[in-house]
N, C-alpha and C. Protein backbone atom coordinates (compact mmCIF):
# COMPACT_ATOMS: atom_id res chain seq x y z
N MET A 1 -12.29 -36.52 -3.06
CA MET A 1 -12.53 -35.15 -3.93
C MET A 1 -12.06 -33.99 -3.10
N GLU A 2 -12.75 -33.62 -2.35
CA GLU A 2 -12.34 -32.27 -1.69
C GLU A 2 -11.42 -32.66 -0.70
N LYS A 3 -11.03 -33.58 -0.31
CA LYS A 3 -9.61 -33.81 0.82
C LYS A 3 -8.65 -33.74 -0.57
N VAL A 4 -8.19 -34.32 -1.62
CA VAL A 4 -7.23 -33.53 -2.60
C VAL A 4 -7.08 -32.72 -2.55
N ILE A 5 -8.25 -31.88 -2.93
CA ILE A 5 -7.93 -30.25 -3.37
C ILE A 5 -7.56 -29.81 -2.25
N PHE A 6 -8.17 -29.60 -1.10
CA PHE A 6 -8.01 -29.07 0.30
C PHE A 6 -6.29 -29.01 0.90
N TYR A 7 -6.15 -30.53 0.70
CA TYR A 7 -4.27 -31.06 0.99
C TYR A 7 -3.67 -30.17 -0.45
N LEU A 8 -4.04 -30.25 -1.61
CA LEU A 8 -3.34 -29.23 -2.27
C LEU A 8 -2.77 -27.99 -2.85
N LEU A 9 -4.00 -27.57 -1.70
CA LEU A 9 -4.01 -25.93 -2.00
C LEU A 9 -3.04 -25.49 -0.24
N ALA A 10 -2.88 -26.29 0.55
CA ALA A 10 -2.68 -26.67 1.38
C ALA A 10 -1.07 -26.56 1.02
N ILE A 11 -0.70 -27.52 0.38
CA ILE A 11 0.65 -27.38 0.38
C ILE A 11 1.20 -26.22 -0.92
N ILE A 12 0.20 -25.70 -1.76
CA ILE A 12 0.86 -24.61 -2.42
C ILE A 12 0.89 -23.44 -1.42
N MET A 13 -0.09 -23.13 -0.78
CA MET A 13 0.02 -22.14 0.59
C MET A 13 1.86 -22.18 1.17
N VAL A 14 1.37 -23.23 1.71
CA VAL A 14 2.82 -23.21 2.84
C VAL A 14 4.14 -23.22 2.24
N ALA A 15 4.01 -23.56 0.74
CA ALA A 15 5.34 -23.77 -0.03
C ALA A 15 4.99 -22.31 -0.54
N SER A 16 4.20 -21.08 -0.81
CA SER A 16 4.40 -20.14 -1.02
C SER A 16 4.87 -19.16 -0.26
N ALA A 17 4.46 -19.22 1.09
CA ALA A 17 4.75 -18.98 2.35
C ALA A 17 5.91 -19.07 2.52
N ILE A 18 6.64 -19.90 2.53
CA ILE A 18 7.81 -19.90 2.69
C ILE A 18 8.80 -19.34 1.79
N ALA A 19 8.13 -19.55 0.63
CA ALA A 19 9.35 -18.63 -0.24
C ALA A 19 9.00 -17.22 -0.55
N SER A 20 7.88 -17.18 0.29
CA SER A 20 7.75 -15.13 0.37
C SER A 20 8.80 -15.04 1.61
N VAL A 21 8.64 -15.71 2.44
CA VAL A 21 9.68 -14.97 3.54
C VAL A 21 11.36 -15.26 3.22
N SER A 22 11.60 -16.22 2.64
CA SER A 22 12.72 -16.66 2.41
C SER A 22 13.40 -16.18 0.98
N SER A 23 13.19 -15.48 0.38
CA SER A 23 13.30 -15.03 -1.18
C SER A 23 13.94 -13.71 -1.32
N ARG A 24 15.03 -13.32 -1.40
CA ARG A 24 15.80 -12.22 -1.48
C ARG A 24 15.53 -11.35 -2.35
N ARG A 25 14.62 -11.47 -3.19
CA ARG A 25 14.26 -10.27 -4.28
C ARG A 25 12.62 -10.03 -3.47
N MET A 26 12.40 -8.87 -3.14
CA MET A 26 10.93 -8.45 -2.78
C MET A 26 9.95 -8.82 -4.01
N LEU A 27 10.04 -8.01 -5.70
CA LEU A 27 9.11 -8.47 -6.39
C LEU A 27 8.93 -10.28 -6.30
N ARG A 28 9.72 -11.22 -6.18
CA ARG A 28 8.84 -12.31 -5.93
C ARG A 28 8.72 -12.81 -5.07
N SER A 29 9.24 -12.15 -3.32
CA SER A 29 8.44 -12.60 -2.23
C SER A 29 6.71 -12.02 -2.52
N VAL A 30 6.50 -10.74 -2.98
CA VAL A 30 5.07 -10.53 -3.75
C VAL A 30 4.53 -11.46 -4.40
N VAL A 31 5.28 -12.30 -5.34
CA VAL A 31 4.17 -12.43 -6.03
C VAL A 31 4.28 -14.06 -5.45
N TYR A 32 4.63 -14.73 -4.44
CA TYR A 32 4.57 -15.83 -3.67
C TYR A 32 3.39 -15.37 -2.96
N LEU A 33 3.38 -14.48 -2.30
CA LEU A 33 2.00 -14.03 -1.57
C LEU A 33 1.10 -14.01 -2.20
N LEU A 34 0.86 -13.39 -3.74
CA LEU A 34 -0.23 -13.83 -4.66
C LEU A 34 -0.65 -15.28 -3.77
N PHE A 35 0.23 -15.84 -4.72
CA PHE A 35 -0.21 -17.50 -4.73
C PHE A 35 -0.93 -18.05 -2.93
N VAL A 36 -0.43 -17.18 -1.98
CA VAL A 36 -0.82 -17.88 -0.58
C VAL A 36 -2.40 -17.52 -0.49
N LEU A 37 -2.70 -16.30 -0.96
CA LEU A 37 -3.80 -15.29 -1.19
C LEU A 37 -4.98 -16.29 -2.18
N ILE A 38 -4.32 -16.30 -3.19
CA ILE A 38 -5.04 -17.40 -4.01
C ILE A 38 -5.50 -18.74 -3.44
N GLY A 39 -4.47 -19.41 -2.79
CA GLY A 39 -4.71 -20.62 -2.00
C GLY A 39 -5.86 -20.17 -1.34
N ALA A 40 -5.81 -19.29 -0.28
CA ALA A 40 -6.94 -19.07 0.62
C ALA A 40 -8.36 -18.58 -0.22
N ALA A 41 -8.53 -17.93 -1.41
CA ALA A 41 -9.66 -17.75 -1.71
C ALA A 41 -10.25 -19.43 -2.08
N GLY A 42 -9.01 -19.78 -2.75
CA GLY A 42 -9.74 -21.61 -3.24
C GLY A 42 -10.57 -22.24 -1.69
N LEU A 43 -9.84 -22.06 -0.94
CA LEU A 43 -10.40 -22.54 0.84
C LEU A 43 -11.93 -22.12 0.90
N TYR A 44 -12.14 -21.00 0.25
CA TYR A 44 -13.52 -20.34 0.77
C TYR A 44 -14.19 -21.27 -0.35
N PHE A 45 -13.76 -20.70 -1.93
CA PHE A 45 -14.67 -21.71 -2.74
C PHE A 45 -14.85 -23.06 -2.41
N LEU A 46 -13.71 -23.80 -1.32
CA LEU A 46 -14.13 -25.21 -1.10
C LEU A 46 -15.14 -25.43 0.02
N MET A 47 -15.40 -24.01 0.99
CA MET A 47 -16.27 -24.49 1.64
C MET A 47 -17.52 -23.93 1.36
N ASP A 48 -17.69 -23.45 0.13
CA ASP A 48 -18.86 -23.01 -0.57
C ASP A 48 -19.60 -21.50 0.12
N TYR A 49 -18.32 -20.73 0.51
CA TYR A 49 -18.52 -19.25 1.00
C TYR A 49 -17.56 -18.35 0.02
N ASN A 50 -18.58 -18.16 -1.43
CA ASN A 50 -18.09 -17.71 -2.89
C ASN A 50 -18.12 -16.23 -2.32
N PHE A 51 -18.88 -15.66 -1.62
CA PHE A 51 -18.95 -14.06 -1.21
C PHE A 51 -17.46 -13.80 -0.74
N LEU A 52 -17.06 -14.79 0.40
CA LEU A 52 -15.83 -14.48 0.80
C LEU A 52 -14.25 -14.65 -0.31
N ALA A 53 -14.46 -16.06 -1.24
CA ALA A 53 -13.87 -15.91 -1.94
C ALA A 53 -13.89 -14.79 -3.04
N ALA A 54 -14.64 -14.26 -3.20
CA ALA A 54 -14.44 -12.96 -4.42
C ALA A 54 -14.00 -11.82 -3.50
N ILE A 55 -13.97 -11.71 -2.37
CA ILE A 55 -13.85 -10.75 -1.60
C ILE A 55 -12.24 -10.95 -2.08
N GLN A 56 -11.68 -12.36 -1.17
CA GLN A 56 -10.26 -12.42 -1.33
C GLN A 56 -9.88 -12.07 -2.36
N LEU A 57 -9.87 -12.36 -3.46
CA LEU A 57 -9.56 -12.54 -4.88
C LEU A 57 -9.41 -10.77 -5.09
N THR A 58 -10.60 -9.91 -5.30
CA THR A 58 -10.89 -8.71 -5.42
C THR A 58 -9.79 -7.67 -4.34
N VAL A 59 -10.18 -7.72 -3.57
CA VAL A 59 -9.51 -7.06 -2.29
C VAL A 59 -7.78 -7.20 -2.09
N TYR A 60 -7.50 -8.45 -1.29
CA TYR A 60 -6.14 -8.93 -1.22
C TYR A 60 -5.27 -9.09 -2.46
N ALA A 61 -6.45 -10.25 -3.43
CA ALA A 61 -5.03 -10.91 -4.56
C ALA A 61 -4.98 -9.95 -5.40
N GLY A 62 -5.81 -8.91 -5.85
CA GLY A 62 -6.21 -7.70 -6.70
C GLY A 62 -5.96 -6.68 -6.57
N GLY A 63 -5.46 -6.02 -5.41
CA GLY A 63 -6.22 -4.97 -5.01
C GLY A 63 -4.39 -4.23 -3.91
N ILE A 64 -4.36 -5.39 -2.84
CA ILE A 64 -3.32 -5.31 -1.75
C ILE A 64 -2.15 -5.56 -2.43
N VAL A 65 -2.11 -6.63 -3.28
CA VAL A 65 -0.73 -6.86 -3.84
C VAL A 65 -0.25 -5.84 -5.02
N VAL A 66 -1.19 -5.63 -5.66
CA VAL A 66 -0.87 -4.75 -6.68
C VAL A 66 -0.53 -3.31 -5.57
N LEU A 67 -0.77 -2.87 -5.10
CA LEU A 67 0.01 -1.82 -4.48
C LEU A 67 1.01 -1.92 -3.81
N ILE A 68 1.32 -3.42 -3.03
CA ILE A 68 2.69 -3.99 -2.50
C ILE A 68 3.62 -3.79 -3.63
N ILE A 69 3.37 -4.21 -4.73
CA ILE A 69 4.17 -4.40 -5.97
C ILE A 69 4.81 -3.07 -6.58
N PHE A 70 3.71 -1.80 -6.43
CA PHE A 70 3.73 -0.33 -6.86
C PHE A 70 4.77 0.10 -5.69
N SER A 71 4.51 -0.13 -4.35
CA SER A 71 5.47 0.38 -3.20
C SER A 71 6.55 0.21 -3.47
N VAL A 72 7.08 -1.48 -3.60
CA VAL A 72 8.39 -1.99 -3.90
C VAL A 72 9.04 -1.53 -5.79
N LEU A 73 8.23 -0.89 -6.55
CA LEU A 73 9.21 -0.64 -7.54
C LEU A 73 9.01 0.98 -7.00
N LEU A 74 8.68 1.76 -6.63
CA LEU A 74 9.23 2.70 -6.18
C LEU A 74 10.19 3.34 -4.96
N ILE A 75 9.88 2.47 -4.29
CA ILE A 75 11.39 2.38 -3.57
C ILE A 75 12.57 1.76 -3.39
N GLN A 76 12.78 0.83 -4.37
CA GLN A 76 13.92 0.41 -4.71
C GLN A 76 13.62 -0.35 -6.30
N HIS A 77 15.20 -0.66 -6.92
CA HIS A 77 15.06 -1.30 -7.96
C HIS A 77 14.29 -2.80 -8.13
N ILE A 78 13.49 -2.94 -9.11
CA ILE A 78 13.31 -4.06 -9.34
C ILE A 78 13.79 -5.95 -9.18
N GLU A 79 15.41 -5.27 -9.81
CA GLU A 79 16.20 -6.69 -9.63
C GLU A 79 17.08 -6.59 -8.23
N MET A 80 16.90 -5.56 -6.92
CA MET A 80 17.78 -5.30 -6.31
C MET A 80 17.64 -6.69 -4.97
N GLU A 81 18.48 -7.14 -4.84
CA GLU A 81 18.42 -8.59 -3.69
C GLU A 81 18.72 -8.07 -2.40
N LEU A 82 18.19 -8.42 -1.55
CA LEU A 82 17.89 -7.78 0.02
C LEU A 82 19.92 -8.71 0.63
N GLU A 83 20.30 -8.11 1.51
CA GLU A 83 21.24 -8.69 2.10
C GLU A 83 20.80 -9.72 3.15
N ILE A 84 21.61 -10.94 3.23
CA ILE A 84 21.85 -12.41 3.49
C ILE A 84 21.32 -12.24 5.28
N ALA A 85 20.60 -12.69 6.22
CA ALA A 85 20.45 -12.15 7.50
C ALA A 85 21.53 -13.01 8.00
N LYS A 86 21.80 -12.36 9.29
CA LYS A 86 23.18 -13.21 9.96
C LYS A 86 22.13 -14.65 10.64
N SER A 87 23.11 -15.46 10.69
CA SER A 87 22.62 -16.63 11.32
C SER A 87 21.84 -16.68 12.43
N SER A 88 22.41 -16.04 13.52
CA SER A 88 21.67 -15.48 15.09
C SER A 88 19.98 -14.99 14.66
N ARG A 89 19.93 -14.10 13.61
CA ARG A 89 18.58 -14.01 13.03
C ARG A 89 17.83 -15.11 12.50
N ARG A 90 18.23 -16.00 11.91
CA ARG A 90 17.67 -17.25 11.29
C ARG A 90 17.00 -17.52 12.30
N TRP A 91 17.95 -18.19 13.32
CA TRP A 91 17.47 -18.61 14.82
C TRP A 91 16.25 -18.27 15.33
N PHE A 92 16.63 -16.87 15.76
CA PHE A 92 15.85 -16.40 16.40
C PHE A 92 14.02 -16.50 15.40
N SER A 93 14.16 -16.16 14.47
CA SER A 93 12.74 -16.16 13.71
C SER A 93 12.27 -16.96 13.48
N ALA A 94 13.26 -18.60 13.15
CA ALA A 94 12.70 -19.78 13.66
C ALA A 94 11.93 -20.19 14.63
N LEU A 95 12.77 -19.86 15.72
CA LEU A 95 11.99 -20.02 17.15
C LEU A 95 10.64 -19.19 17.81
N LEU A 96 10.72 -18.11 16.48
CA LEU A 96 9.65 -17.27 16.99
C LEU A 96 8.22 -18.00 16.20
N CYS A 97 8.96 -18.41 15.05
CA CYS A 97 7.42 -19.29 14.17
C CYS A 97 7.18 -20.70 14.71
N LEU A 98 8.01 -21.42 15.69
CA LEU A 98 7.49 -22.47 16.28
C LEU A 98 7.07 -22.37 17.17
N MET A 99 7.16 -21.13 17.94
CA MET A 99 6.56 -20.67 19.35
C MET A 99 5.18 -20.13 18.61
N GLY A 100 5.08 -19.62 17.65
CA GLY A 100 3.24 -19.30 16.68
C GLY A 100 2.97 -20.77 16.59
N LEU A 101 3.60 -21.21 16.00
CA LEU A 101 2.85 -22.76 15.44
C LEU A 101 2.52 -23.32 16.59
N SER A 102 3.20 -23.33 17.60
CA SER A 102 2.76 -24.16 18.89
C SER A 102 1.01 -23.79 19.18
N ILE A 103 1.12 -22.33 19.58
CA ILE A 103 0.34 -21.60 20.11
C ILE A 103 -0.99 -21.84 19.40
N PHE A 104 -0.83 -21.48 17.87
CA PHE A 104 -1.77 -21.58 16.86
C PHE A 104 -2.87 -23.21 16.97
N LEU A 105 -1.68 -24.39 16.99
CA LEU A 105 -1.85 -25.43 16.84
C LEU A 105 -2.95 -25.99 18.14
N GLY A 106 -2.14 -25.65 19.64
CA GLY A 106 -2.79 -25.74 20.91
C GLY A 106 -4.48 -25.00 20.80
N THR A 107 -4.38 -23.77 20.38
CA THR A 107 -5.54 -22.98 20.72
C THR A 107 -6.86 -23.99 19.61
N ILE A 108 -6.39 -24.56 18.78
CA ILE A 108 -7.48 -24.90 17.73
C ILE A 108 -7.69 -26.69 18.31
N TYR A 109 -6.49 -27.43 18.77
CA TYR A 109 -7.13 -28.69 19.73
C TYR A 109 -7.51 -28.59 20.75
N SER A 110 -7.65 -27.44 21.37
CA SER A 110 -8.09 -27.05 22.94
C SER A 110 -9.54 -26.73 22.56
N HIS A 111 -10.04 -26.24 21.65
CA HIS A 111 -11.46 -25.56 21.34
C HIS A 111 -12.60 -26.14 20.93
N PRO A 112 -13.38 -26.60 21.80
CA PRO A 112 -14.38 -28.09 21.05
C PRO A 112 -15.09 -27.20 20.57
N PHE A 113 -15.17 -27.34 18.69
CA PHE A 113 -16.12 -26.72 17.77
C PHE A 113 -17.11 -27.46 17.75
N ALA A 114 -17.72 -26.92 18.07
CA ALA A 114 -19.39 -26.97 17.72
C ALA A 114 -20.08 -26.88 16.39
N VAL A 115 -20.79 -28.14 15.44
CA VAL A 115 -21.55 -27.64 14.70
C VAL A 115 -22.94 -26.66 14.61
N ALA A 116 -23.15 -25.81 13.88
CA ALA A 116 -23.94 -25.20 14.27
C ALA A 116 -25.18 -25.83 13.87
N GLU A 117 -26.15 -25.27 14.57
CA GLU A 117 -27.81 -26.50 14.32
C GLU A 117 -28.52 -24.89 13.62
N THR A 118 -28.66 -24.76 12.63
CA THR A 118 -28.87 -23.87 11.90
C THR A 118 -29.48 -23.90 10.54
N THR A 119 -30.83 -23.48 9.98
CA THR A 119 -31.01 -23.99 8.98
C THR A 119 -30.77 -22.82 7.75
N SER A 120 -31.10 -21.58 8.39
CA SER A 120 -30.88 -19.95 7.84
C SER A 120 -29.57 -20.33 6.62
N THR A 121 -29.56 -19.60 5.61
CA THR A 121 -28.15 -19.34 4.82
C THR A 121 -28.49 -18.26 4.35
N THR A 122 -27.29 -17.38 4.20
CA THR A 122 -27.27 -15.97 3.70
C THR A 122 -26.63 -16.05 2.53
N THR A 123 -27.42 -15.08 1.37
CA THR A 123 -26.66 -15.48 0.26
C THR A 123 -26.23 -14.17 -0.41
N VAL A 124 -25.55 -14.16 -1.28
CA VAL A 124 -24.74 -12.99 -1.48
C VAL A 124 -25.61 -11.35 -1.77
N ALA A 125 -26.88 -12.21 -2.63
CA ALA A 125 -27.84 -10.73 -2.93
C ALA A 125 -28.21 -10.23 -1.01
N GLU A 126 -28.24 -10.83 -0.22
CA GLU A 126 -28.43 -10.18 1.05
C GLU A 126 -27.52 -9.55 1.36
N ILE A 127 -25.90 -9.80 1.32
CA ILE A 127 -25.11 -9.30 2.05
C ILE A 127 -24.95 -7.84 1.20
N GLY A 128 -25.09 -7.65 0.09
CA GLY A 128 -24.96 -6.96 -0.77
C GLY A 128 -26.37 -5.58 -0.20
N ARG A 129 -27.42 -6.14 -0.35
CA ARG A 129 -28.22 -5.42 0.46
C ARG A 129 -28.16 -4.77 1.91
N ALA A 130 -27.09 -5.67 2.78
CA ALA A 130 -26.90 -4.97 3.86
C ALA A 130 -25.67 -4.46 4.03
N LEU A 131 -24.69 -4.26 2.88
CA LEU A 131 -23.77 -3.34 2.41
C LEU A 131 -24.76 -2.02 2.16
N LEU A 132 -25.37 -2.01 1.45
CA LEU A 132 -25.98 -0.33 0.71
C LEU A 132 -27.01 -0.14 1.42
N SER A 133 -27.23 -0.66 2.70
CA SER A 133 -28.94 -0.24 3.29
C SER A 133 -28.42 0.84 4.07
N PHE A 134 -29.56 2.04 4.30
CA PHE A 134 -29.86 2.97 4.95
C PHE A 134 -30.19 2.74 6.28
N GLU A 135 -30.82 1.55 6.25
CA GLU A 135 -31.64 1.12 7.53
C GLU A 135 -30.89 0.78 8.62
N LYS A 136 -31.90 0.39 9.86
CA LYS A 136 -30.63 -0.08 10.93
C LYS A 136 -30.25 -1.34 10.57
N GLY A 137 -28.97 -1.60 11.37
CA GLY A 137 -27.91 -2.84 10.64
C GLY A 137 -27.56 -2.47 9.40
N GLY A 138 -27.68 -1.67 8.87
CA GLY A 138 -26.58 -1.51 7.11
C GLY A 138 -25.36 -0.95 7.40
N PHE A 139 -24.87 -1.28 6.62
CA PHE A 139 -23.47 -0.93 6.55
C PHE A 139 -22.41 0.23 5.38
N ILE A 140 -23.86 1.24 5.31
CA ILE A 140 -23.85 2.13 3.73
C ILE A 140 -22.66 2.78 4.55
N LEU A 141 -22.44 3.56 5.61
CA LEU A 141 -21.52 4.09 6.19
C LEU A 141 -19.91 4.04 6.32
N PRO A 142 -20.22 2.69 6.80
CA PRO A 142 -18.82 2.29 6.89
C PRO A 142 -18.27 1.80 5.32
N PHE A 143 -19.07 1.68 4.29
CA PHE A 143 -18.84 1.12 3.42
C PHE A 143 -18.37 2.52 2.30
N GLU A 144 -18.42 3.52 2.36
CA GLU A 144 -18.18 5.01 1.65
C GLU A 144 -17.30 5.69 2.39
N VAL A 145 -16.98 5.04 4.36
CA VAL A 145 -15.66 5.61 5.01
C VAL A 145 -14.61 4.68 4.38
N ILE A 146 -14.75 3.61 3.58
CA ILE A 146 -13.40 2.69 3.33
C ILE A 146 -13.35 2.71 1.71
N SER A 147 -13.91 3.58 1.20
CA SER A 147 -13.96 3.90 -0.24
C SER A 147 -13.38 5.54 -0.20
N ILE A 148 -13.62 6.05 0.34
CA ILE A 148 -12.95 7.21 0.83
C ILE A 148 -11.40 7.19 1.50
N LEU A 149 -11.40 6.38 2.70
CA LEU A 149 -9.59 6.12 2.75
C LEU A 149 -9.09 5.61 1.54
N LEU A 150 -9.78 4.43 0.85
CA LEU A 150 -8.61 3.85 -0.57
C LEU A 150 -8.38 5.35 -1.43
N LEU A 151 -9.60 5.96 -1.26
CA LEU A 151 -9.08 7.23 -2.33
C LEU A 151 -8.07 8.17 -1.93
N ALA A 152 -8.03 8.28 -0.78
CA ALA A 152 -6.66 9.10 0.04
C ALA A 152 -5.71 8.39 -0.06
N ALA A 153 -5.62 6.98 -0.05
CA ALA A 153 -4.59 6.28 -0.13
C ALA A 153 -3.90 6.56 -1.85
N MET A 154 -4.92 6.59 -2.44
CA MET A 154 -4.71 6.22 -4.26
C MET A 154 -3.84 7.86 -4.38
N ILE A 155 -4.62 8.71 -3.78
CA ILE A 155 -3.99 10.06 -4.11
C ILE A 155 -2.34 10.10 -3.49
N GLY A 156 -2.23 9.83 -2.33
CA GLY A 156 -1.18 10.02 -1.65
C GLY A 156 -0.11 8.96 -2.57
N ALA A 157 -0.49 8.01 -2.86
CA ALA A 157 0.56 7.14 -3.77
C ALA A 157 0.99 7.58 -5.28
N ILE A 158 0.11 8.44 -5.68
CA ILE A 158 0.35 9.40 -6.79
C ILE A 158 1.59 10.59 -6.57
N THR A 159 1.08 11.02 -5.22
CA THR A 159 1.80 12.23 -5.14
C THR A 159 2.96 11.86 -5.17
N ILE A 160 3.45 10.48 -4.00
CA ILE A 160 4.47 9.95 -3.68
C ILE A 160 4.99 10.01 -5.10
N ALA A 161 4.71 9.10 -5.94
CA ALA A 161 5.19 8.98 -7.47
C ALA A 161 5.83 10.03 -8.37
N LYS A 162 4.65 10.74 -8.24
CA LYS A 162 5.27 11.61 -9.25
C LYS A 162 6.11 12.70 -8.45
N GLY A 163 6.30 12.89 -7.36
CA GLY A 163 7.92 13.80 -6.94
C GLY A 163 7.95 15.09 -6.76
N GLY A 164 8.03 16.02 -6.14
CA GLY A 164 8.20 17.20 -6.20
C GLY A 164 8.65 17.95 -7.22
N LYS A 165 8.23 19.26 -8.18
CA LYS A 165 9.25 19.23 -9.00
C LYS A 165 9.81 20.24 -8.59
N GLU A 166 11.56 20.47 -9.14
CA GLU A 166 12.28 21.36 -8.12
C GLU A 166 12.45 22.63 -9.02
N ILE A 167 12.49 23.67 -7.99
CA ILE A 167 12.24 25.07 -8.60
C ILE A 167 13.73 25.75 -8.91
N LYS A 168 14.02 26.29 -9.82
CA LYS A 168 15.08 26.33 -10.28
C LYS A 168 15.34 28.03 -10.66
N GLN A 169 16.36 28.99 -9.81
CA GLN A 169 16.16 30.34 -9.64
C GLN A 169 17.24 30.49 -10.79
N GLU A 170 17.06 31.65 -11.82
CA GLU A 170 18.28 31.87 -12.32
C GLU A 170 18.85 32.86 -11.58
N VAL A 171 20.60 32.89 -11.16
CA VAL A 171 21.06 33.92 -10.00
C VAL A 171 22.18 34.36 -11.36
N PRO A 172 22.20 35.55 -11.63
CA PRO A 172 23.34 35.89 -12.70
C PRO A 172 24.78 35.63 -12.09
N GLU A 173 25.53 35.13 -13.19
CA GLU A 173 26.77 34.85 -12.63
C GLU A 173 27.54 35.75 -11.94
N SER A 174 27.87 37.13 -12.60
CA SER A 174 28.23 38.15 -12.02
C SER A 174 27.79 39.46 -12.39
N LEU A 175 27.89 40.24 -11.55
CA LEU A 175 26.97 41.79 -11.32
C LEU A 175 28.17 42.68 -11.73
N ASP A 176 27.66 43.74 -12.77
CA ASP A 176 28.28 44.71 -12.78
C ASP A 176 28.30 46.17 -12.36
N ILE A 177 29.13 46.13 -11.05
CA ILE A 177 29.09 47.27 -9.90
C ILE A 177 28.91 48.65 -10.57
N ASP A 178 29.85 48.64 -11.35
CA ASP A 178 30.43 50.06 -12.29
C ASP A 178 28.83 50.35 -12.87
N LYS A 179 28.28 49.68 -13.74
CA LYS A 179 27.03 50.05 -14.38
C LYS A 179 26.07 50.35 -13.34
N ILE A 180 26.13 49.80 -12.54
CA ILE A 180 24.92 49.66 -11.46
C ILE A 180 25.03 51.54 -10.58
N LEU A 181 26.12 51.47 -10.48
CA LEU A 181 26.48 52.81 -9.78
C LEU A 181 26.15 53.72 -10.53
N GLN A 182 26.68 53.61 -12.14
CA GLN A 182 26.23 55.10 -13.33
C GLN A 182 24.91 55.28 -13.21
N ASP A 183 24.03 54.38 -13.48
CA ASP A 183 22.94 54.17 -13.63
C ASP A 183 22.19 55.10 -12.35
N ALA A 184 22.53 54.86 -11.35
CA ALA A 184 22.04 55.40 -9.74
C ALA A 184 22.62 56.74 -10.04
N LYS A 185 23.58 57.01 -10.07
CA LYS A 185 24.17 58.77 -10.43
C LYS A 185 23.49 59.38 -11.20
N GLN A 186 23.25 58.64 -12.50
CA GLN A 186 22.45 59.32 -13.70
C GLN A 186 20.62 59.38 -12.98
N GLN A 187 20.21 58.80 -11.98
CA GLN A 187 18.99 59.23 -11.74
C GLN A 187 18.87 60.22 -10.81
N ALA A 188 19.55 60.01 -10.40
CA ALA A 188 20.02 60.79 -8.96
C ALA A 188 20.14 62.64 -9.77
N GLU A 189 21.11 62.60 -10.95
CA GLU A 189 21.34 64.00 -11.39
C GLU A 189 19.56 64.18 -12.13
N GLU A 190 19.26 63.50 -12.42
CA GLU A 190 18.05 63.56 -13.22
C GLU A 190 16.76 64.07 -11.97
N LYS A 191 16.90 63.52 -11.34
CA LYS A 191 15.98 63.67 -10.00
C LYS A 191 16.42 65.33 -9.55
N VAL A 192 17.75 65.42 -9.25
CA VAL A 192 18.07 67.01 -8.92
C VAL A 192 17.65 68.08 -10.16
N MET A 193 17.68 67.98 -11.44
CA MET A 193 17.33 68.85 -12.26
C MET A 193 15.53 68.93 -12.29
N GLU A 194 14.97 67.99 -11.64
CA GLU A 194 14.06 68.06 -11.67
C GLU A 194 13.34 68.90 -10.64
N LEU A 195 14.02 68.82 -9.99
CA LEU A 195 13.70 69.52 -8.71
C LEU A 195 14.07 71.06 -8.74
N GLU A 196 15.57 71.32 -9.09
CA GLU A 196 15.56 72.74 -9.44
C GLU A 196 14.75 73.59 -10.16
N SER A 197 14.34 72.58 -11.45
CA SER A 197 13.72 73.44 -12.30
C SER A 197 11.91 73.56 -12.20
N SER A 198 11.52 72.67 -11.06
CA SER A 198 10.26 72.99 -10.15
C SER A 198 10.67 74.00 -9.20
N THR A 199 11.57 74.23 -8.44
CA THR A 199 11.78 75.51 -7.94
C THR A 199 12.17 76.92 -8.69
N LYS A 200 12.65 76.85 -9.64
CA LYS A 200 12.74 77.96 -10.21
C LYS A 200 11.38 78.35 -10.91
N ASN A 201 10.17 77.73 -11.40
CA ASN A 201 9.02 78.25 -11.92
C ASN A 201 8.11 78.34 -10.83
C-alpha cells in the first residue's frame, strides 16, 4: 500500500512540475507548484516525518505560494499569457534538465546509503522546545530573526501594493500682471505716505 501511495504522489508531483514550467499562464503555474509542494508534504507524511510535513504545508504551500500569487497579481494581469519560447530556448532548457537529471541520478546511485542504527526518536514537542529554548542549543534567536524578516517582507509588500500618492499642486492658469503691479504700486505709495507723516511729526 505504501508503494502505491508513493508512486501516486510521485506521478502527481512530476506531472504538476511539468505543467508548472510549461504553462503560459502565471497563475496556473503557481497552482501547479502548489500541487508539487503538497505532494512533497505527502511524502513526508508517508515517511512518518509529521513535523516536516506540517512545516511544508504551512510555510511553503500556505505561505510562499500565497506570496507568489500576490506578486503575480500585483505585477501583471491575472489572465495575461506569456510569450511562446523559441525552439532554440526549448532545446537548451531540455538539455539542461537532462544534465541535471543525470547528475541527480548519478549522485543517488553512487552514494552508499547506510541504515542508521539508532533507537532514539525525536518528537514534535522536543523540536518545539528546542526552537523556543534560551539555553545552549536553543534556536530562539534565529526563530525571532526569521519572524522579523517575514514581518519586514509583509510591510514591504503592502507598501508596494498601496503605491505612492500623487501630489497635485494647483497652478493658476493665467496671472493678472496689471493687477499685481497696481497692488504693488499702491502698497509702495502707502509706505511713502507713512514715511512722510513720520518725518513731519
